Amino acid sequence: MERNPLAVIGSLLADDTRAGLLTALMDGRAHTNSELARHLQVSASTVSEHLRKLRDSGMVAVEAQGRHRYFRIADHRIADMLESLGATALSVPAPPVATAVAFARTCYDHLAGEVAVRIYGQLVDDRYLIADDEQVHLTTSGLELFSDIGVDVAPQASRRPLVRSCLDWSQRRHHLAGAVGAGLLDTMLLNRWLVRQDGPRKVRFTRSGRIAVSATFGIQV
């Protein structure tokens, strides 16, 4: 009898090491086996075995460069599912999160945490973003806002939506995802509004970045 896909996903996520690997890979970057082993403080052989199972399931992809192999989340659909599961786990209170990570971190290819949630809320309040019935879209003024700071707002050739709401697992409110959410994170990193820190998903706002975000979105950082 063929296994139910939900049962397969559940069995993969039920292991703490595999869940930790997926959480680490949610920073949107590719990592080697040894990097992940150091992060989780387990042996490289243990990580290798769990990565094999995640790769076989299609949740993780691998790419070889020279003698190294780099592992990453397979695509944004897997990342979206993982973030949603983390935010909507039944009867589980929001987990304690380190202050810096709760304030700002990456969620696959877009910004998450308190600042991201506040940006999303201000976009809605200022009518740059319309959110209704779980559907979101940018208004004309919203398109102009993101275009002005260098985010590509052209319709996507792929099926990926231009904007999408993503439920933040630490804040239990929405932040901005989709192609524009990814473009915003890229722009922030390119302009050094944000800099990456050691460890998966960790980012920090620079002084100029705090000023720029406050001026652009009308929030205090």
N, C-alpha and C. Protein backbone atom coordinates (compact mmCIF):
# COMPACT_ATOMS: atom_id res chain seq x y z
N MET A 1 0.84 -1.19 0.00
CA MET A 1 0.00 0.00 0.00
C MET A 1 0.89 1.25 0.00
N GLU A 2 0.59 2.18 -0.91
CA GLU A 2 1.38 3.41 -1.00
C GLU A 2 1.11 4.31 0.18
N ARG A 3 2.16 4.87 0.75
CA ARG A 3 2.01 5.72 1.94
C ARG A 3 1.39 7.06 1.57
N ASN A 4 0.58 7.57 2.49
CA ASN A 4 0.00 8.89 2.32
C ASN A 4 1.11 9.93 2.37
N PRO A 5 1.13 10.89 1.43
CA PRO A 5 2.19 11.91 1.43
C PRO A 5 2.29 12.67 2.75
N LEU A 6 1.16 12.91 3.41
CA LEU A 6 1.20 13.62 4.69
C LEU A 6 1.92 12.79 5.75
N ALA A 7 1.73 11.47 5.69
CA ALA A 7 2.41 10.60 6.64
C ALA A 7 3.91 10.60 6.39
N VAL A 8 4.30 10.66 5.12
CA VAL A 8 5.72 10.70 4.78
C VAL A 8 6.36 11.98 5.32
N ILE A 9 5.68 13.11 5.08
CA ILE A 9 6.20 14.40 5.56
C ILE A 9 6.28 14.40 7.08
N GLY A 10 5.22 13.88 7.71
CA GLY A 10 5.20 13.84 9.18
C GLY A 10 6.34 13.02 9.74
N SER A 11 6.63 11.87 9.13
CA SER A 11 7.71 11.02 9.63
C SER A 11 9.08 11.69 9.46
N LEU A 12 9.24 12.44 8.37
CA LEU A 12 10.49 13.15 8.16
C LEU A 12 10.70 14.25 9.18
N LEU A 13 9.64 14.99 9.48
CA LEU A 13 9.75 16.13 10.39
C LEU A 13 9.72 15.71 11.85
N ALA A 14 9.35 14.46 12.14
CA ALA A 14 9.23 14.01 13.53
C ALA A 14 10.59 13.83 14.20
N ASP A 15 11.64 13.75 13.41
CA ASP A 15 12.98 13.58 13.97
C ASP A 15 13.60 14.94 14.25
N ASP A 16 14.11 15.14 15.47
CA ASP A 16 14.65 16.44 15.87
C ASP A 16 15.85 16.86 15.02
N THR A 17 16.69 15.91 14.64
CA THR A 17 17.87 16.26 13.84
C THR A 17 17.45 16.72 12.45
N ARG A 18 16.53 16.01 11.82
CA ARG A 18 16.07 16.42 10.49
C ARG A 18 15.35 17.76 10.56
N ALA A 19 14.54 17.95 11.61
CA ALA A 19 13.87 19.24 11.77
C ALA A 19 14.89 20.36 11.95
N GLY A 20 15.97 20.08 12.69
CA GLY A 20 17.02 21.07 12.89
C GLY A 20 17.75 21.39 11.60
N LEU A 21 17.98 20.38 10.77
CA LEU A 21 18.64 20.61 9.48
C LEU A 21 17.79 21.49 8.59
N LEU A 22 16.50 21.20 8.52
CA LEU A 22 15.61 22.00 7.68
C LEU A 22 15.52 23.43 8.19
N THR A 23 15.49 23.60 9.51
CA THR A 23 15.44 24.94 10.09
C THR A 23 16.70 25.72 9.72
N ALA A 24 17.85 25.06 9.81
CA ALA A 24 19.11 25.73 9.45
C ALA A 24 19.13 26.11 7.98
N LEU A 25 18.62 25.25 7.13
CA LEU A 25 18.62 25.51 5.69
C LEU A 25 17.58 26.55 5.28
N MET A 26 16.71 26.93 6.20
CA MET A 26 15.71 27.94 5.90
C MET A 26 16.29 29.34 5.80
N ASP A 27 17.61 29.47 5.92
CA ASP A 27 18.21 30.78 5.69
C ASP A 27 18.37 31.07 4.21
N GLY A 28 17.99 30.09 3.36
CA GLY A 28 18.02 30.30 1.93
C GLY A 28 19.36 30.05 1.27
N ARG A 29 20.38 29.73 2.06
CA ARG A 29 21.71 29.49 1.52
C ARG A 29 22.01 27.99 1.51
N ALA A 30 23.02 27.61 0.74
CA ALA A 30 23.46 26.22 0.71
C ALA A 30 24.58 26.02 1.73
N HIS A 31 24.58 24.87 2.40
CA HIS A 31 25.56 24.58 3.43
C HIS A 31 26.16 23.20 3.19
N THR A 32 27.40 23.03 3.60
CA THR A 32 28.04 21.72 3.51
C THR A 32 27.62 20.85 4.69
N ASN A 33 27.89 19.56 4.56
CA ASN A 33 27.59 18.61 5.62
C ASN A 33 28.30 19.01 6.92
N SER A 34 29.57 19.39 6.82
CA SER A 34 30.34 19.73 8.02
C SER A 34 29.83 21.00 8.68
N GLU A 35 29.41 21.98 7.89
CA GLU A 35 28.85 23.21 8.45
C GLU A 35 27.58 22.92 9.24
N LEU A 36 26.74 22.08 8.69
CA LEU A 36 25.50 21.71 9.38
C LEU A 36 25.78 20.89 10.63
N ALA A 37 26.78 20.03 10.56
CA ALA A 37 27.13 19.22 11.73
C ALA A 37 27.61 20.11 12.87
N ARG A 38 28.44 21.10 12.55
CA ARG A 38 28.91 22.03 13.59
C ARG A 38 27.75 22.82 14.18
N HIS A 39 26.83 23.25 13.32
CA HIS A 39 25.71 24.04 13.80
C HIS A 39 24.82 23.23 14.74
N LEU A 40 24.55 21.98 14.40
CA LEU A 40 23.67 21.15 15.23
C LEU A 40 24.41 20.43 16.35
N GLN A 41 25.76 20.48 16.31
CA GLN A 41 26.60 19.82 17.29
C GLN A 41 26.35 18.32 17.33
N VAL A 42 26.29 17.73 16.15
CA VAL A 42 26.19 16.27 16.02
C VAL A 42 27.27 15.84 15.03
N SER A 43 27.46 14.53 14.90
CA SER A 43 28.52 14.04 14.03
C SER A 43 28.18 14.24 12.56
N ALA A 44 29.23 14.33 11.75
CA ALA A 44 29.04 14.50 10.31
C ALA A 44 28.33 13.30 9.70
N SER A 45 28.61 12.10 10.23
CA SER A 45 27.96 10.90 9.71
C SER A 45 26.46 10.90 9.99
N THR A 46 26.08 11.42 11.16
CA THR A 46 24.66 11.53 11.49
C THR A 46 23.96 12.50 10.54
N VAL A 47 24.58 13.64 10.33
CA VAL A 47 24.01 14.63 9.41
C VAL A 47 23.90 14.05 8.00
N SER A 48 24.92 13.32 7.57
CA SER A 48 24.92 12.75 6.23
C SER A 48 23.75 11.80 6.03
N GLU A 49 23.47 10.98 7.03
CA GLU A 49 22.37 10.03 6.92
C GLU A 49 21.02 10.74 6.84
N HIS A 50 20.85 11.76 7.65
CA HIS A 50 19.57 12.49 7.64
C HIS A 50 19.41 13.31 6.37
N LEU A 51 20.49 13.88 5.88
CA LEU A 51 20.42 14.63 4.62
C LEU A 51 20.05 13.71 3.46
N ARG A 52 20.54 12.47 3.50
CA ARG A 52 20.19 11.51 2.45
C ARG A 52 18.68 11.29 2.42
N LYS A 53 18.07 11.13 3.58
CA LYS A 53 16.63 10.91 3.64
C LYS A 53 15.87 12.14 3.15
N LEU A 54 16.32 13.32 3.54
CA LEU A 54 15.66 14.55 3.10
C LEU A 54 15.83 14.76 1.60
N ARG A 55 16.99 14.39 1.09
CA ARG A 55 17.22 14.53 -0.35
C ARG A 55 16.36 13.53 -1.13
N ASP A 56 16.27 12.29 -0.63
CA ASP A 56 15.46 11.27 -1.30
C ASP A 56 13.99 11.66 -1.32
N SER A 57 13.55 12.42 -0.31
CA SER A 57 12.15 12.83 -0.24
C SER A 57 11.84 14.01 -1.16
N GLY A 58 12.88 14.68 -1.64
CA GLY A 58 12.68 15.86 -2.48
C GLY A 58 12.61 17.16 -1.70
N MET A 59 12.81 17.12 -0.38
CA MET A 59 12.75 18.34 0.42
C MET A 59 14.05 19.12 0.37
N VAL A 60 15.14 18.43 0.12
CA VAL A 60 16.48 19.05 0.08
C VAL A 60 17.14 18.71 -1.25
N ALA A 61 17.82 19.68 -1.82
CA ALA A 61 18.58 19.48 -3.05
C ALA A 61 20.07 19.59 -2.74
N VAL A 62 20.89 18.99 -3.58
CA VAL A 62 22.34 19.02 -3.37
C VAL A 62 23.02 19.44 -4.66
N GLU A 63 24.10 20.17 -4.53
CA GLU A 63 24.88 20.62 -5.68
C GLU A 63 26.36 20.45 -5.36
N ALA A 64 27.09 19.84 -6.29
CA ALA A 64 28.52 19.59 -6.08
C ALA A 64 29.34 20.70 -6.72
N GLN A 65 30.33 21.18 -5.96
CA GLN A 65 31.30 22.14 -6.47
C GLN A 65 32.68 21.69 -6.00
N GLY A 66 33.49 21.21 -6.95
CA GLY A 66 34.78 20.67 -6.56
C GLY A 66 34.59 19.44 -5.69
N ARG A 67 35.27 19.41 -4.57
CA ARG A 67 35.15 18.26 -3.68
C ARG A 67 34.06 18.44 -2.63
N HIS A 68 33.38 19.58 -2.67
CA HIS A 68 32.33 19.86 -1.68
C HIS A 68 30.95 19.64 -2.26
N ARG A 69 30.03 19.24 -1.40
CA ARG A 69 28.63 19.15 -1.78
C ARG A 69 27.84 20.11 -0.91
N TYR A 70 27.00 20.88 -1.53
CA TYR A 70 26.23 21.91 -0.83
C TYR A 70 24.74 21.54 -0.83
N PHE A 71 24.14 21.61 0.34
CA PHE A 71 22.75 21.24 0.52
C PHE A 71 21.90 22.48 0.75
N ARG A 72 20.69 22.46 0.20
CA ARG A 72 19.76 23.59 0.36
C ARG A 72 18.33 23.08 0.31
N ILE A 73 17.39 23.91 0.77
CA ILE A 73 15.97 23.60 0.61
C ILE A 73 15.68 23.50 -0.89
N ALA A 74 14.88 22.51 -1.29
CA ALA A 74 14.69 22.23 -2.71
C ALA A 74 14.12 23.42 -3.47
N ASP A 75 13.11 24.09 -2.93
CA ASP A 75 12.54 25.26 -3.60
C ASP A 75 11.67 26.03 -2.62
N HIS A 76 11.12 27.14 -3.09
CA HIS A 76 10.36 28.02 -2.19
C HIS A 76 9.07 27.38 -1.70
N ARG A 77 8.53 26.42 -2.44
CA ARG A 77 7.31 25.75 -1.99
C ARG A 77 7.56 24.93 -0.74
N ILE A 78 8.70 24.25 -0.67
CA ILE A 78 9.06 23.51 0.53
C ILE A 78 9.28 24.48 1.69
N ALA A 79 9.97 25.58 1.41
CA ALA A 79 10.22 26.59 2.45
C ALA A 79 8.91 27.17 2.97
N ASP A 80 7.97 27.47 2.07
CA ASP A 80 6.67 28.00 2.48
C ASP A 80 5.94 27.03 3.40
N MET A 81 5.98 25.75 3.04
CA MET A 81 5.31 24.74 3.85
C MET A 81 5.93 24.66 5.25
N LEU A 82 7.26 24.67 5.32
CA LEU A 82 7.94 24.55 6.60
C LEU A 82 7.65 25.75 7.50
N GLU A 83 7.67 26.95 6.92
CA GLU A 83 7.39 28.15 7.73
C GLU A 83 5.96 28.13 8.23
N SER A 84 5.02 27.72 7.39
CA SER A 84 3.62 27.66 7.79
C SER A 84 3.40 26.63 8.88
N LEU A 85 4.05 25.48 8.75
CA LEU A 85 3.93 24.44 9.78
C LEU A 85 4.48 24.94 11.12
N GLY A 86 5.59 25.66 11.06
CA GLY A 86 6.17 26.18 12.30
C GLY A 86 5.29 27.20 12.98
N ALA A 87 4.50 27.92 12.21
CA ALA A 87 3.66 28.98 12.78
C ALA A 87 2.28 28.50 13.20
N THR A 88 1.85 27.34 12.68
CA THR A 88 0.47 26.92 12.93
C THR A 88 0.37 25.59 13.65
N ALA A 89 1.46 25.15 14.26
CA ALA A 89 1.42 23.88 15.00
C ALA A 89 0.31 23.93 16.05
N LEU A 90 -0.56 22.92 16.01
CA LEU A 90 -1.73 22.92 16.88
C LEU A 90 -1.35 22.81 18.35
N SER A 91 -1.96 23.65 19.18
CA SER A 91 -1.82 23.61 20.63
C SER A 91 -0.40 23.77 21.11
N VAL A 92 0.45 24.33 20.28
CA VAL A 92 1.85 24.56 20.67
C VAL A 92 2.08 26.06 20.77
N PRO A 93 2.44 26.57 21.97
CA PRO A 93 2.67 28.00 22.09
C PRO A 93 3.88 28.43 21.29
N ALA A 94 3.92 29.73 20.99
CA ALA A 94 5.08 30.26 20.26
C ALA A 94 6.35 29.95 21.03
N PRO A 95 7.37 29.38 20.38
CA PRO A 95 8.58 28.99 21.08
C PRO A 95 9.39 30.20 21.52
N PRO A 96 10.15 30.04 22.63
CA PRO A 96 11.05 31.13 23.01
C PRO A 96 12.12 31.29 21.96
N VAL A 97 12.38 32.53 21.57
CA VAL A 97 13.33 32.80 20.50
C VAL A 97 14.32 33.84 20.99
N ALA A 98 15.59 33.66 20.65
CA ALA A 98 16.60 34.65 21.00
C ALA A 98 16.17 36.01 20.47
N THR A 99 16.40 37.05 21.27
CA THR A 99 15.90 38.38 20.94
C THR A 99 16.33 38.84 19.55
N ALA A 100 17.59 38.66 19.22
CA ALA A 100 18.09 39.13 17.92
C ALA A 100 17.43 38.38 16.78
N VAL A 101 17.22 37.08 16.93
CA VAL A 101 16.60 36.28 15.87
C VAL A 101 15.12 36.62 15.73
N ALA A 102 14.46 36.89 16.85
CA ALA A 102 13.06 37.29 16.79
C ALA A 102 12.90 38.66 16.16
N PHE A 103 13.92 39.50 16.29
CA PHE A 103 13.86 40.85 15.75
C PHE A 103 14.03 40.85 14.24
N ALA A 104 14.98 40.09 13.74
CA ALA A 104 15.23 40.02 12.29
C ALA A 104 15.98 38.74 11.97
N ARG A 105 15.51 38.03 10.95
CA ARG A 105 16.16 36.82 10.46
C ARG A 105 15.67 36.59 9.04
N THR A 106 16.26 35.64 8.36
CA THR A 106 15.76 35.28 7.04
C THR A 106 14.79 34.12 7.16
N CYS A 107 13.85 34.08 6.24
CA CYS A 107 12.90 32.97 6.12
C CYS A 107 13.02 32.50 4.67
N TYR A 108 13.95 31.57 4.44
CA TYR A 108 14.31 31.12 3.10
C TYR A 108 14.88 32.29 2.32
N ASP A 109 14.08 32.95 1.45
CA ASP A 109 14.63 34.03 0.63
C ASP A 109 14.03 35.39 0.93
N HIS A 110 13.36 35.52 2.09
CA HIS A 110 12.79 36.82 2.44
C HIS A 110 13.00 37.11 3.92
N LEU A 111 12.70 38.32 4.33
CA LEU A 111 12.94 38.76 5.70
C LEU A 111 11.80 38.32 6.61
N ALA A 112 12.17 37.91 7.82
CA ALA A 112 11.19 37.51 8.83
C ALA A 112 11.55 38.15 10.16
N GLY A 113 10.66 37.99 11.13
CA GLY A 113 10.89 38.55 12.45
C GLY A 113 10.07 39.81 12.69
N GLU A 114 10.33 40.45 13.82
CA GLU A 114 9.52 41.60 14.24
C GLU A 114 9.52 42.72 13.21
N VAL A 115 10.69 43.08 12.68
CA VAL A 115 10.75 44.19 11.72
C VAL A 115 9.96 43.85 10.47
N ALA A 116 10.09 42.62 9.97
CA ALA A 116 9.35 42.21 8.78
C ALA A 116 7.85 42.27 8.99
N VAL A 117 7.41 41.85 10.16
CA VAL A 117 5.98 41.89 10.49
C VAL A 117 5.49 43.34 10.54
N ARG A 118 6.30 44.22 11.10
CA ARG A 118 5.91 45.63 11.18
C ARG A 118 5.89 46.28 9.80
N ILE A 119 6.84 45.91 8.94
CA ILE A 119 6.83 46.43 7.56
C ILE A 119 5.55 46.00 6.85
N TYR A 120 5.20 44.73 6.98
CA TYR A 120 3.99 44.21 6.34
C TYR A 120 2.75 44.98 6.84
N GLY A 121 2.65 45.15 8.16
CA GLY A 121 1.51 45.85 8.73
C GLY A 121 1.42 47.29 8.25
N GLN A 122 2.56 47.96 8.13
CA GLN A 122 2.55 49.35 7.67
C GLN A 122 2.20 49.44 6.19
N LEU A 123 2.65 48.48 5.40
CA LEU A 123 2.28 48.44 3.98
C LEU A 123 0.76 48.33 3.82
N VAL A 124 0.15 47.52 4.66
CA VAL A 124 -1.31 47.37 4.62
C VAL A 124 -1.99 48.65 5.09
N ASP A 125 -1.50 49.22 6.20
CA ASP A 125 -2.11 50.45 6.74
C ASP A 125 -2.03 51.60 5.74
N ASP A 126 -0.93 51.67 5.00
CA ASP A 126 -0.73 52.77 4.05
C ASP A 126 -1.29 52.47 2.66
N ARG A 127 -1.96 51.31 2.54
CA ARG A 127 -2.61 50.91 1.28
C ARG A 127 -1.62 50.68 0.14
N TYR A 128 -0.39 50.37 0.50
CA TYR A 128 0.56 49.91 -0.52
C TYR A 128 0.26 48.45 -0.85
N LEU A 129 -0.30 47.76 0.12
CA LEU A 129 -0.59 46.34 0.01
C LEU A 129 -2.04 46.12 0.46
N ILE A 130 -2.79 45.39 -0.34
CA ILE A 130 -4.17 45.05 0.00
C ILE A 130 -4.21 43.58 0.40
N ALA A 131 -4.72 43.30 1.58
CA ALA A 131 -4.81 41.93 2.07
C ALA A 131 -6.27 41.63 2.43
N ASP A 132 -6.86 40.67 1.74
CA ASP A 132 -8.24 40.27 2.05
C ASP A 132 -8.44 38.82 1.66
N ASP A 133 -9.17 38.10 2.49
CA ASP A 133 -9.47 36.68 2.23
C ASP A 133 -8.21 35.89 1.91
N GLU A 134 -7.14 36.17 2.66
CA GLU A 134 -5.87 35.48 2.53
C GLU A 134 -5.18 35.72 1.19
N GLN A 135 -5.69 36.67 0.40
CA GLN A 135 -5.06 37.05 -0.85
C GLN A 135 -4.46 38.44 -0.68
N VAL A 136 -3.29 38.64 -1.22
CA VAL A 136 -2.64 39.95 -1.11
C VAL A 136 -2.21 40.40 -2.50
N HIS A 137 -2.24 41.71 -2.72
CA HIS A 137 -1.70 42.25 -3.97
C HIS A 137 -1.21 43.66 -3.73
N LEU A 138 -0.25 44.10 -4.54
CA LEU A 138 0.30 45.43 -4.44
C LEU A 138 -0.60 46.41 -5.20
N THR A 139 -0.80 47.58 -4.62
CA THR A 139 -1.49 48.65 -5.32
C THR A 139 -0.50 49.35 -6.24
N THR A 140 -0.98 50.28 -7.04
CA THR A 140 -0.10 51.04 -7.91
C THR A 140 0.96 51.77 -7.11
N SER A 141 0.55 52.36 -5.99
CA SER A 141 1.53 53.08 -5.16
C SER A 141 2.52 52.10 -4.54
N GLY A 142 2.08 50.86 -4.25
CA GLY A 142 2.99 49.86 -3.72
C GLY A 142 4.02 49.43 -4.74
N LEU A 143 3.58 49.26 -5.97
CA LEU A 143 4.51 48.93 -7.05
C LEU A 143 5.57 50.02 -7.20
N GLU A 144 5.13 51.29 -7.11
CA GLU A 144 6.07 52.41 -7.24
C GLU A 144 7.04 52.44 -6.06
N LEU A 145 6.54 52.16 -4.87
CA LEU A 145 7.40 52.17 -3.68
C LEU A 145 8.54 51.18 -3.82
N PHE A 146 8.23 49.95 -4.18
CA PHE A 146 9.28 48.93 -4.29
C PHE A 146 10.18 49.18 -5.50
N SER A 147 9.60 49.65 -6.59
CA SER A 147 10.41 49.96 -7.76
C SER A 147 11.42 51.06 -7.45
N ASP A 148 11.02 52.04 -6.65
CA ASP A 148 11.90 53.16 -6.31
C ASP A 148 13.12 52.73 -5.51
N ILE A 149 13.01 51.65 -4.75
CA ILE A 149 14.17 51.21 -3.96
C ILE A 149 14.93 50.08 -4.66
N GLY A 150 14.54 49.78 -5.90
CA GLY A 150 15.31 48.84 -6.69
C GLY A 150 14.82 47.41 -6.69
N VAL A 151 13.59 47.18 -6.22
CA VAL A 151 13.02 45.82 -6.23
C VAL A 151 12.29 45.61 -7.55
N ASP A 152 12.55 44.49 -8.19
CA ASP A 152 11.91 44.16 -9.46
C ASP A 152 10.44 43.81 -9.21
N VAL A 153 9.53 44.56 -9.78
CA VAL A 153 8.10 44.32 -9.58
C VAL A 153 7.43 43.87 -10.87
N ALA A 154 8.23 43.43 -11.84
CA ALA A 154 7.66 42.92 -13.09
C ALA A 154 6.98 41.58 -12.83
N PRO A 155 5.88 41.29 -13.51
CA PRO A 155 5.21 39.99 -13.36
C PRO A 155 6.20 38.85 -13.59
N GLN A 156 6.04 37.78 -12.79
CA GLN A 156 6.97 36.67 -12.86
C GLN A 156 6.61 35.69 -13.97
N ALA A 157 7.64 35.22 -14.67
CA ALA A 157 7.40 34.21 -15.71
C ALA A 157 6.98 32.88 -15.10
N SER A 158 7.45 32.62 -13.88
CA SER A 158 7.07 31.39 -13.19
C SER A 158 5.70 31.57 -12.55
N ARG A 159 5.23 30.53 -11.89
CA ARG A 159 3.94 30.60 -11.21
C ARG A 159 4.05 31.26 -9.84
N ARG A 160 5.24 31.65 -9.47
CA ARG A 160 5.41 32.25 -8.15
C ARG A 160 4.69 33.58 -8.09
N PRO A 161 3.88 33.83 -7.03
CA PRO A 161 3.17 35.10 -6.93
C PRO A 161 4.13 36.26 -6.69
N LEU A 162 3.71 37.43 -7.15
CA LEU A 162 4.52 38.63 -6.94
C LEU A 162 4.64 38.94 -5.46
N VAL A 163 3.54 38.89 -4.75
CA VAL A 163 3.53 39.06 -3.29
C VAL A 163 2.69 37.96 -2.66
N ARG A 164 3.07 37.60 -1.45
CA ARG A 164 2.36 36.58 -0.70
C ARG A 164 2.57 36.85 0.78
N SER A 165 1.56 36.57 1.59
CA SER A 165 1.73 36.69 3.03
C SER A 165 2.27 35.38 3.58
N CYS A 166 3.18 35.47 4.53
CA CYS A 166 3.78 34.29 5.16
C CYS A 166 3.63 34.46 6.67
N LEU A 167 3.05 33.47 7.33
CA LEU A 167 2.81 33.56 8.76
C LEU A 167 4.11 33.36 9.52
N ASP A 168 4.53 34.36 10.26
CA ASP A 168 5.80 34.37 10.98
C ASP A 168 5.70 33.48 12.23
N TRP A 169 6.58 32.49 12.36
CA TRP A 169 6.43 31.53 13.46
C TRP A 169 6.79 32.11 14.82
N SER A 170 7.60 33.17 14.86
CA SER A 170 7.94 33.76 16.16
C SER A 170 6.96 34.86 16.56
N GLN A 171 6.38 35.55 15.58
CA GLN A 171 5.48 36.67 15.86
C GLN A 171 4.00 36.29 15.75
N ARG A 172 3.72 35.20 15.05
CA ARG A 172 2.36 34.73 14.80
C ARG A 172 1.53 35.78 14.05
N ARG A 173 2.21 36.57 13.27
CA ARG A 173 1.57 37.51 12.34
C ARG A 173 2.28 37.40 10.99
N HIS A 174 1.74 38.08 10.00
CA HIS A 174 2.27 37.90 8.66
C HIS A 174 3.46 38.82 8.35
N HIS A 175 4.36 38.29 7.51
CA HIS A 175 5.38 39.12 6.87
C HIS A 175 5.29 38.90 5.36
N LEU A 176 6.06 39.67 4.60
CA LEU A 176 5.94 39.68 3.15
C LEU A 176 6.85 38.62 2.51
N ALA A 177 6.24 37.78 1.65
CA ALA A 177 6.99 36.77 0.90
C ALA A 177 6.69 36.96 -0.58
N GLY A 178 6.93 35.94 -1.37
CA GLY A 178 6.75 36.06 -2.81
C GLY A 178 7.97 36.69 -3.47
N ALA A 179 7.85 36.96 -4.76
CA ALA A 179 8.98 37.51 -5.52
C ALA A 179 9.42 38.87 -4.99
N VAL A 180 8.46 39.70 -4.59
CA VAL A 180 8.81 41.03 -4.08
C VAL A 180 9.46 40.91 -2.69
N GLY A 181 8.97 39.99 -1.88
CA GLY A 181 9.61 39.78 -0.58
C GLY A 181 11.05 39.34 -0.74
N ALA A 182 11.30 38.44 -1.70
CA ALA A 182 12.66 38.00 -1.96
C ALA A 182 13.51 39.14 -2.50
N GLY A 183 12.92 39.94 -3.40
CA GLY A 183 13.65 41.08 -3.96
C GLY A 183 13.99 42.12 -2.90
N LEU A 184 13.09 42.30 -1.94
CA LEU A 184 13.35 43.25 -0.86
C LEU A 184 14.55 42.81 -0.02
N LEU A 185 14.60 41.53 0.33
CA LEU A 185 15.74 41.04 1.10
C LEU A 185 17.03 41.21 0.31
N ASP A 186 17.01 40.88 -0.98
CA ASP A 186 18.20 41.06 -1.82
C ASP A 186 18.66 42.51 -1.84
N THR A 187 17.69 43.42 -1.96
CA THR A 187 18.01 44.85 -1.99
C THR A 187 18.60 45.31 -0.66
N MET A 188 18.04 44.85 0.44
CA MET A 188 18.55 45.22 1.76
C MET A 188 19.98 44.74 1.94
N LEU A 189 20.28 43.53 1.48
CA LEU A 189 21.64 43.01 1.61
C LEU A 189 22.60 43.73 0.67
N LEU A 190 22.15 44.00 -0.56
CA LEU A 190 22.98 44.68 -1.54
C LEU A 190 23.35 46.08 -1.08
N ASN A 191 22.38 46.78 -0.49
CA ASN A 191 22.60 48.16 -0.01
C ASN A 191 23.18 48.21 1.40
N ARG A 192 23.43 47.03 1.96
CA ARG A 192 23.97 46.90 3.32
C ARG A 192 23.07 47.55 4.36
N TRP A 193 21.76 47.47 4.10
CA TRP A 193 20.82 47.79 5.17
C TRP A 193 20.86 46.65 6.19
N LEU A 194 21.13 45.47 5.67
CA LEU A 194 21.27 44.26 6.48
C LEU A 194 22.62 43.64 6.19
N VAL A 195 23.18 42.97 7.19
CA VAL A 195 24.38 42.15 6.97
C VAL A 195 24.13 40.80 7.61
N ARG A 196 24.62 39.76 6.97
CA ARG A 196 24.48 38.42 7.52
C ARG A 196 25.44 38.23 8.68
N GLN A 197 25.00 37.43 9.66
CA GLN A 197 25.80 37.10 10.82
C GLN A 197 26.19 35.63 10.75
N ASP A 198 27.12 35.23 11.61
CA ASP A 198 27.49 33.83 11.69
C ASP A 198 26.29 33.01 12.16
N GLY A 199 26.08 31.90 11.51
CA GLY A 199 24.96 31.03 11.88
C GLY A 199 23.80 31.20 10.92
N PRO A 200 23.08 30.11 10.65
CA PRO A 200 21.96 30.16 9.71
C PRO A 200 20.88 31.16 10.12
N ARG A 201 20.37 31.89 9.16
CA ARG A 201 19.21 32.78 9.28
C ARG A 201 19.50 34.09 10.01
N LYS A 202 20.69 34.26 10.55
CA LYS A 202 20.96 35.44 11.37
C LYS A 202 21.35 36.63 10.50
N VAL A 203 20.67 37.75 10.70
CA VAL A 203 21.01 39.00 10.03
C VAL A 203 20.94 40.14 11.05
N ARG A 204 21.60 41.23 10.72
CA ARG A 204 21.61 42.39 11.61
C ARG A 204 21.42 43.65 10.78
N PHE A 205 20.58 44.57 11.26
CA PHE A 205 20.41 45.85 10.59
C PHE A 205 21.59 46.76 10.92
N THR A 206 22.13 47.39 9.90
CA THR A 206 23.17 48.38 10.11
C THR A 206 22.52 49.70 10.53
N ARG A 207 23.35 50.64 10.95
CA ARG A 207 22.80 51.95 11.33
C ARG A 207 22.13 52.61 10.13
N SER A 208 22.81 52.58 8.97
CA SER A 208 22.22 53.17 7.77
C SER A 208 20.96 52.42 7.35
N GLY A 209 20.95 51.10 7.60
CA GLY A 209 19.78 50.30 7.27
C GLY A 209 18.58 50.66 8.11
N ARG A 210 18.81 50.89 9.39
CA ARG A 210 17.69 51.29 10.27
C ARG A 210 17.10 52.61 9.81
N ILE A 211 17.97 53.53 9.43
CA ILE A 211 17.50 54.84 8.94
C ILE A 211 16.73 54.66 7.64
N ALA A 212 17.26 53.84 6.73
CA ALA A 212 16.62 53.65 5.42
C ALA A 212 15.27 52.96 5.55
N VAL A 213 15.17 51.95 6.40
CA VAL A 213 13.91 51.24 6.59
C VAL A 213 12.87 52.17 7.21
N SER A 214 13.30 52.95 8.18
CA SER A 214 12.38 53.91 8.81
C SER A 214 11.86 54.93 7.80
N ALA A 215 12.76 55.42 6.95
CA ALA A 215 12.36 56.43 5.95
C ALA A 215 11.49 55.82 4.86
N THR A 216 11.77 54.59 4.46
CA THR A 216 11.05 53.96 3.35
C THR A 216 9.67 53.48 3.76
N PHE A 217 9.58 52.86 4.92
CA PHE A 217 8.32 52.21 5.32
C PHE A 217 7.58 52.91 6.45
N GLY A 218 8.19 53.94 7.01
CA GLY A 218 7.48 54.69 8.05
C GLY A 218 7.38 53.98 9.38
N ILE A 219 8.36 53.13 9.70
CA ILE A 219 8.38 52.47 11.00
C ILE A 219 9.69 52.79 11.69
N GLN A 220 9.71 52.74 12.99
CA GLN A 220 10.94 52.96 13.76
C GLN A 220 11.63 51.62 13.99
N VAL A 221 12.90 51.55 13.61
CA VAL A 221 13.67 50.31 13.79
C VAL A 221 14.71 50.57 14.87
